Amino acid sequence: MYGEIIPRPDLASDQYKELAEAINRWLTYAVQMEFDHWISLDALEDLHLGEPPRPLAIILADNSETTLSNLRKALGGAASERTVPFKVRIGTSPELVLASLRQYIPSDFVTDILLGGSSIFE
């Protein structure tokens, strides 16, 4: 299941760092619960540096031979998104992942958290 953590764009540097630590705590929980998961380490590193995540096209261009222009064309509107993408494969229930995201990620630091294309706050 694909997800995105969408940080608020107006956070202060220390708040981006706090969000990174919260995500790290959630990842520790994911390991304990044996969720098979992936997260963008590039986006998480940006948060640890006190910065918003770089746009997806920039991250992908840094890690491939494809030009930034071609990535923007391929990604469309997603190219400029400043999110922390992640994936979770769940051996149990999606409700457990939803509950853990709500528990570990401070809602006042994010615009939204999407899981499977839907907001976890709805």
Protein backbone atom coordinates (compact mmCIF):
# COMPACT_ATOMS: atom_id res chain seq x y z
CA MET A 1 0.00 0.00 0.00
CA TYR A 2 1.44 3.34 -1.10
CA GLY A 3 1.42 6.34 1.23
CA GLU A 4 2.66 9.88 1.55
CA ILE A 5 3.39 12.03 4.57
CA ILE A 6 2.78 15.64 3.51
CA PRO A 7 4.60 18.09 5.79
CA ARG A 8 3.16 21.53 6.32
CA PRO A 9 5.15 23.98 4.17
CA ASP A 10 5.32 26.60 6.93
CA LEU A 11 7.19 24.51 9.51
CA ALA A 12 10.29 25.90 11.17
CA SER A 13 13.56 24.03 10.76
CA ASP A 14 13.34 22.44 14.22
CA GLN A 15 9.79 21.27 13.46
CA TYR A 16 10.96 19.48 10.29
CA LYS A 17 13.57 17.78 12.46
CA GLU A 18 10.91 16.81 15.02
CA LEU A 19 8.78 15.38 12.22
CA ALA A 20 11.77 13.31 11.06
CA GLU A 21 12.18 11.92 14.57
CA ALA A 22 8.47 11.09 14.75
CA ILE A 23 8.73 9.24 11.44
CA ASN A 24 11.75 7.35 12.78
CA ARG A 25 9.71 6.26 15.80
CA TRP A 26 6.94 5.08 13.47
CA LEU A 27 9.50 3.15 11.40
CA THR A 28 10.80 1.47 14.56
CA TYR A 29 7.23 0.45 15.36
CA ALA A 30 6.79 -0.82 11.79
CA VAL A 31 9.84 -3.05 12.22
CA GLN A 32 8.54 -4.35 15.58
CA MET A 33 5.17 -5.13 14.00
CA GLU A 34 6.91 -6.76 11.04
CA PHE A 35 5.40 -4.45 8.44
CA ASP A 36 7.39 -4.92 5.25
CA HIS A 37 8.05 -1.28 4.38
CA TRP A 38 10.00 1.21 2.29
CA ILE A 39 10.39 4.96 2.78
CA SER A 40 12.18 7.63 0.78
CA LEU A 41 15.45 8.05 2.64
CA ASP A 42 16.16 11.16 0.57
CA ALA A 43 12.99 12.86 1.79
CA LEU A 44 13.61 11.71 5.36
CA GLU A 45 17.18 13.04 5.22
CA ASP A 46 15.87 16.45 4.10
CA LEU A 47 13.61 16.54 7.17
CA HIS A 48 16.53 15.57 9.44
CA LEU A 49 18.42 18.54 8.00
CA GLY A 50 15.54 20.81 8.99
CA GLU A 51 14.32 21.29 5.43
CA PRO A 52 11.14 20.33 3.58
CA PRO A 53 11.55 17.30 1.32
CA ARG A 54 12.93 18.13 -2.09
CA PRO A 55 10.41 17.81 -4.93
CA LEU A 56 10.03 14.25 -6.19
CA ALA A 57 11.49 15.08 -9.62
CA ILE A 58 14.65 16.51 -8.02
CA ILE A 59 15.14 13.41 -5.85
CA LEU A 60 14.64 11.09 -8.82
CA ALA A 61 16.93 13.17 -11.07
CA ASP A 62 19.69 12.97 -8.44
CA ASN A 63 19.41 9.18 -8.46
CA SER A 64 19.03 8.44 -12.19
CA GLU A 65 20.36 9.33 -15.60
CA THR A 66 16.98 10.67 -16.71
CA THR A 67 16.86 14.43 -17.20
CA LEU A 68 14.85 16.62 -14.88
CA SER A 69 12.77 17.81 -17.82
CA ASN A 70 11.84 14.24 -18.80
CA LEU A 71 10.99 13.39 -15.19
CA ARG A 72 8.70 16.42 -14.94
CA LYS A 73 6.90 15.32 -18.10
CA ALA A 74 6.56 11.74 -16.87
CA LEU A 75 5.43 12.65 -13.35
CA GLY A 76 3.12 15.53 -14.19
CA GLY A 77 1.84 17.32 -11.09
CA ALA A 78 3.56 14.83 -8.78
CA ALA A 79 6.97 16.13 -9.95
CA SER A 80 6.83 19.15 -7.65
CA GLU A 81 5.30 17.47 -4.61
CA ARG A 82 7.27 17.81 -1.39
CA THR A 83 6.20 14.68 0.39
CA VAL A 84 7.71 11.70 2.17
CA PRO A 85 6.60 8.72 0.08
CA PHE A 86 6.43 5.28 1.67
CA LYS A 87 5.06 1.82 1.03
CA VAL A 88 3.78 -0.74 3.49
CA ARG A 89 2.93 -4.36 2.86
CA ILE A 90 0.66 -5.50 5.59
CA GLY A 91 0.43 -9.03 6.85
CA THR A 92 -2.34 -8.02 9.24
CA SER A 93 -4.81 -5.20 8.73
CA PRO A 94 -4.66 -1.70 7.23
CA GLU A 95 -6.37 -0.44 10.39
CA LEU A 96 -3.20 -1.21 12.39
CA VAL A 97 -1.11 0.90 10.02
CA LEU A 98 -3.67 3.73 10.16
CA ALA A 99 -3.70 3.67 13.96
CA SER A 100 0.09 3.68 14.16
CA LEU A 101 0.44 6.61 11.74
CA ARG A 102 -2.12 8.57 13.75
CA GLN A 103 -0.28 7.71 16.97
CA TYR A 104 3.29 8.46 15.89
CA ILE A 105 3.03 11.32 13.37
CA PRO A 106 1.97 14.65 14.92
CA SER A 107 -1.03 15.92 12.96
CA ASP A 108 -0.03 19.54 13.58
CA PHE A 109 3.18 18.99 11.53
CA VAL A 110 1.43 17.63 8.43
CA THR A 111 -1.06 18.84 5.89
CA ASP A 112 -2.18 15.26 5.44
CA ILE A 113 -1.08 11.65 5.46
CA LEU A 114 -2.33 9.58 2.56
CA LEU A 115 -2.53 5.80 2.66
CA GLY A 116 -3.78 4.02 -0.42
CA GLY A 117 -4.84 7.38 -1.86
CA SER A 118 -7.07 8.34 1.09
CA SER A 119 -6.45 10.64 4.02
CA ILE A 120 -5.91 8.87 7.32
CA PHE A 121 -7.72 11.74 9.03
CA GLU A 122 -11.07 11.16 7.31
